[in-house]
Amino acid sequence: MKTAIDLFVGEIGILQSFSNQIIAPKFLELGCLPGAKITLISVAPFRSTYFFKINKSRFALRKSEAENLILEL
């Protein structure tokens, strides 16, 4: 099981599910649906914030949020 924080910059994953069902509705409202392509664009210093391209949108997520995205490579 790989999460979004396990990606390397430029690597693409496919969203499978969410590990925390409490935060899942937030991602669904943003359009992060299972099957979406997720690309890691960059990482902030100290790995506190991750910048992703999800489908055609760009998101900045805290590490605690990004580790809830379960991916298939």
N, C-alpha and C. Protein backbone atom coordinates (compact mmCIF):
# COMPACT_ATOMS: atom_id res chain seq x y z
N MET A 1 0.85 -1.18 0.00
CA MET A 1 0.00 0.00 0.00
C MET A 1 0.90 1.24 0.00
N LYS A 2 0.75 2.06 -1.01
CA LYS A 2 1.53 3.28 -1.13
C LYS A 2 0.61 4.47 -0.94
N THR A 3 1.12 5.49 -0.27
CA THR A 3 0.34 6.71 -0.09
C THR A 3 0.95 7.83 -0.94
N ALA A 4 0.29 8.96 -0.98
CA ALA A 4 0.74 10.08 -1.81
C ALA A 4 2.10 10.62 -1.35
N ILE A 5 2.43 10.47 -0.08
CA ILE A 5 3.73 10.99 0.39
C ILE A 5 4.88 10.07 -0.01
N ASP A 6 4.59 8.89 -0.53
CA ASP A 6 5.62 7.96 -0.98
C ASP A 6 6.05 8.22 -2.42
N LEU A 7 5.35 9.10 -3.13
CA LEU A 7 5.70 9.41 -4.52
C LEU A 7 6.99 10.22 -4.58
N PHE A 8 7.70 10.07 -5.68
CA PHE A 8 8.85 10.92 -5.99
C PHE A 8 8.35 12.07 -6.85
N VAL A 9 9.06 13.18 -6.86
CA VAL A 9 8.66 14.32 -7.68
C VAL A 9 8.58 13.88 -9.14
N GLY A 10 7.44 14.17 -9.77
CA GLY A 10 7.20 13.78 -11.16
C GLY A 10 6.54 12.43 -11.33
N GLU A 11 6.48 11.64 -10.28
CA GLU A 11 5.88 10.31 -10.36
C GLU A 11 4.35 10.42 -10.35
N ILE A 12 3.70 9.50 -11.05
CA ILE A 12 2.24 9.51 -11.16
C ILE A 12 1.67 8.27 -10.49
N GLY A 13 0.59 8.46 -9.74
CA GLY A 13 -0.14 7.36 -9.11
C GLY A 13 -1.61 7.50 -9.41
N ILE A 14 -2.35 6.44 -9.20
CA ILE A 14 -3.80 6.43 -9.39
C ILE A 14 -4.45 6.29 -8.02
N LEU A 15 -5.35 7.22 -7.69
CA LEU A 15 -6.02 7.20 -6.39
C LEU A 15 -6.93 5.99 -6.30
N GLN A 16 -6.72 5.18 -5.26
CA GLN A 16 -7.55 3.99 -5.03
C GLN A 16 -8.62 4.28 -4.00
N SER A 17 -8.19 4.79 -2.84
CA SER A 17 -9.14 5.01 -1.75
C SER A 17 -8.52 5.96 -0.73
N PHE A 18 -9.22 6.14 0.38
CA PHE A 18 -8.77 7.00 1.46
C PHE A 18 -8.62 6.16 2.72
N SER A 19 -7.55 6.38 3.46
CA SER A 19 -7.34 5.59 4.67
C SER A 19 -8.15 6.13 5.85
N ASN A 20 -8.52 7.39 5.81
CA ASN A 20 -9.30 8.01 6.88
C ASN A 20 -10.65 8.43 6.31
N GLN A 21 -11.70 7.76 6.71
CA GLN A 21 -13.02 8.03 6.16
C GLN A 21 -13.62 9.34 6.67
N ILE A 22 -13.03 9.93 7.70
CA ILE A 22 -13.51 11.22 8.20
C ILE A 22 -13.09 12.34 7.25
N ILE A 23 -11.89 12.24 6.68
CA ILE A 23 -11.39 13.29 5.79
C ILE A 23 -11.78 13.04 4.33
N ALA A 24 -12.27 11.86 4.01
CA ALA A 24 -12.64 11.50 2.64
C ALA A 24 -13.63 12.47 2.00
N PRO A 25 -14.68 12.93 2.68
CA PRO A 25 -15.61 13.86 2.04
C PRO A 25 -14.95 15.16 1.57
N LYS A 26 -13.92 15.62 2.28
CA LYS A 26 -13.21 16.82 1.87
C LYS A 26 -12.56 16.61 0.51
N PHE A 27 -11.91 15.48 0.33
CA PHE A 27 -11.28 15.18 -0.95
C PHE A 27 -12.31 14.99 -2.06
N LEU A 28 -13.41 14.34 -1.75
CA LEU A 28 -14.45 14.15 -2.76
C LEU A 28 -15.03 15.48 -3.21
N GLU A 29 -15.22 16.42 -2.29
CA GLU A 29 -15.72 17.74 -2.65
C GLU A 29 -14.76 18.49 -3.55
N LEU A 30 -13.46 18.23 -3.39
CA LEU A 30 -12.45 18.88 -4.22
C LEU A 30 -12.30 18.21 -5.58
N GLY A 31 -12.98 17.10 -5.79
CA GLY A 31 -12.90 16.40 -7.06
C GLY A 31 -11.86 15.32 -7.10
N CYS A 32 -11.33 14.94 -5.96
CA CYS A 32 -10.34 13.86 -5.87
C CYS A 32 -11.09 12.54 -5.74
N LEU A 33 -11.47 11.99 -6.87
CA LEU A 33 -12.26 10.77 -6.89
C LEU A 33 -11.37 9.56 -7.15
N PRO A 34 -11.74 8.40 -6.65
CA PRO A 34 -10.97 7.20 -6.97
C PRO A 34 -10.84 7.05 -8.48
N GLY A 35 -9.64 6.71 -8.91
CA GLY A 35 -9.34 6.60 -10.33
C GLY A 35 -8.63 7.83 -10.88
N ALA A 36 -8.54 8.90 -10.09
CA ALA A 36 -7.89 10.13 -10.53
C ALA A 36 -6.37 9.95 -10.58
N LYS A 37 -5.73 10.59 -11.55
CA LYS A 37 -4.27 10.57 -11.65
C LYS A 37 -3.70 11.65 -10.74
N ILE A 38 -2.72 11.26 -9.92
CA ILE A 38 -2.08 12.18 -8.98
C ILE A 38 -0.59 12.24 -9.31
N THR A 39 -0.10 13.46 -9.51
CA THR A 39 1.32 13.68 -9.79
C THR A 39 1.90 14.57 -8.69
N LEU A 40 3.01 14.16 -8.11
CA LEU A 40 3.69 14.99 -7.12
C LEU A 40 4.52 16.03 -7.86
N ILE A 41 4.21 17.31 -7.63
CA ILE A 41 4.91 18.40 -8.31
C ILE A 41 6.14 18.82 -7.52
N SER A 42 5.98 19.05 -6.23
CA SER A 42 7.12 19.43 -5.39
C SER A 42 6.77 19.23 -3.92
N VAL A 43 7.80 19.38 -3.09
CA VAL A 43 7.65 19.20 -1.65
C VAL A 43 8.29 20.39 -0.97
N ALA A 44 7.61 20.94 0.04
CA ALA A 44 8.14 22.08 0.80
C ALA A 44 9.28 21.61 1.70
N PRO A 45 10.12 22.55 2.14
CA PRO A 45 11.20 22.19 3.07
C PRO A 45 10.64 21.48 4.31
N PHE A 46 11.39 20.55 4.82
CA PHE A 46 11.02 19.75 5.99
C PHE A 46 9.83 18.84 5.72
N ARG A 47 9.45 18.69 4.45
CA ARG A 47 8.37 17.79 4.02
C ARG A 47 7.06 18.06 4.75
N SER A 48 6.78 19.32 5.01
CA SER A 48 5.56 19.68 5.73
C SER A 48 4.36 19.84 4.80
N THR A 49 4.61 20.23 3.56
CA THR A 49 3.54 20.45 2.59
C THR A 49 3.93 19.79 1.27
N TYR A 50 2.94 19.16 0.64
CA TYR A 50 3.14 18.47 -0.64
C TYR A 50 2.27 19.15 -1.69
N PHE A 51 2.83 19.34 -2.87
CA PHE A 51 2.11 19.99 -3.96
C PHE A 51 1.81 18.97 -5.04
N PHE A 52 0.53 18.78 -5.34
CA PHE A 52 0.09 17.75 -6.27
C PHE A 52 -0.70 18.34 -7.43
N LYS A 53 -0.65 17.63 -8.54
CA LYS A 53 -1.56 17.87 -9.65
C LYS A 53 -2.50 16.67 -9.65
N ILE A 54 -3.78 16.93 -9.46
CA ILE A 54 -4.78 15.87 -9.44
C ILE A 54 -5.75 16.15 -10.57
N ASN A 55 -5.73 15.28 -11.57
CA ASN A 55 -6.41 15.53 -12.84
C ASN A 55 -5.87 16.84 -13.41
N LYS A 56 -6.67 17.88 -13.53
CA LYS A 56 -6.17 19.15 -14.09
C LYS A 56 -6.06 20.24 -13.04
N SER A 57 -6.27 19.91 -11.78
CA SER A 57 -6.19 20.89 -10.70
C SER A 57 -4.90 20.70 -9.92
N ARG A 58 -4.48 21.78 -9.24
CA ARG A 58 -3.28 21.72 -8.40
C ARG A 58 -3.68 21.97 -6.95
N PHE A 59 -3.09 21.17 -6.04
CA PHE A 59 -3.42 21.24 -4.63
C PHE A 59 -2.16 21.26 -3.78
N ALA A 60 -2.22 21.98 -2.69
CA ALA A 60 -1.19 21.93 -1.66
C ALA A 60 -1.83 21.25 -0.46
N LEU A 61 -1.25 20.14 -0.03
CA LEU A 61 -1.80 19.38 1.08
C LEU A 61 -0.77 19.24 2.19
N ARG A 62 -1.24 19.30 3.42
CA ARG A 62 -0.37 19.01 4.56
C ARG A 62 0.02 17.53 4.50
N LYS A 63 1.13 17.22 5.12
CA LYS A 63 1.59 15.83 5.15
C LYS A 63 0.52 14.93 5.74
N SER A 64 -0.14 15.38 6.82
CA SER A 64 -1.17 14.57 7.48
C SER A 64 -2.37 14.31 6.57
N GLU A 65 -2.63 15.20 5.62
CA GLU A 65 -3.73 14.99 4.67
C GLU A 65 -3.29 14.08 3.53
N ALA A 66 -2.09 14.32 3.01
CA ALA A 66 -1.60 13.56 1.86
C ALA A 66 -1.38 12.09 2.19
N GLU A 67 -1.04 11.78 3.43
CA GLU A 67 -0.81 10.37 3.76
C GLU A 67 -2.11 9.57 3.84
N ASN A 68 -3.25 10.22 3.68
CA ASN A 68 -4.54 9.52 3.66
C ASN A 68 -4.95 9.09 2.26
N LEU A 69 -4.20 9.51 1.24
CA LEU A 69 -4.50 9.14 -0.13
C LEU A 69 -3.77 7.84 -0.48
N ILE A 70 -4.51 6.77 -0.65
CA ILE A 70 -3.92 5.47 -0.98
C ILE A 70 -3.87 5.33 -2.49
N LEU A 71 -2.68 5.02 -3.01
CA LEU A 71 -2.45 5.00 -4.45
C LEU A 71 -2.11 3.63 -4.98
N GLU A 72 -2.33 3.48 -6.28
CA GLU A 72 -1.89 2.34 -7.05
C GLU A 72 -0.92 2.89 -8.08
N LEU A 73 0.22 2.28 -8.22
CA LEU A 73 1.22 2.79 -9.18
C LEU A 73 1.17 2.04 -10.47
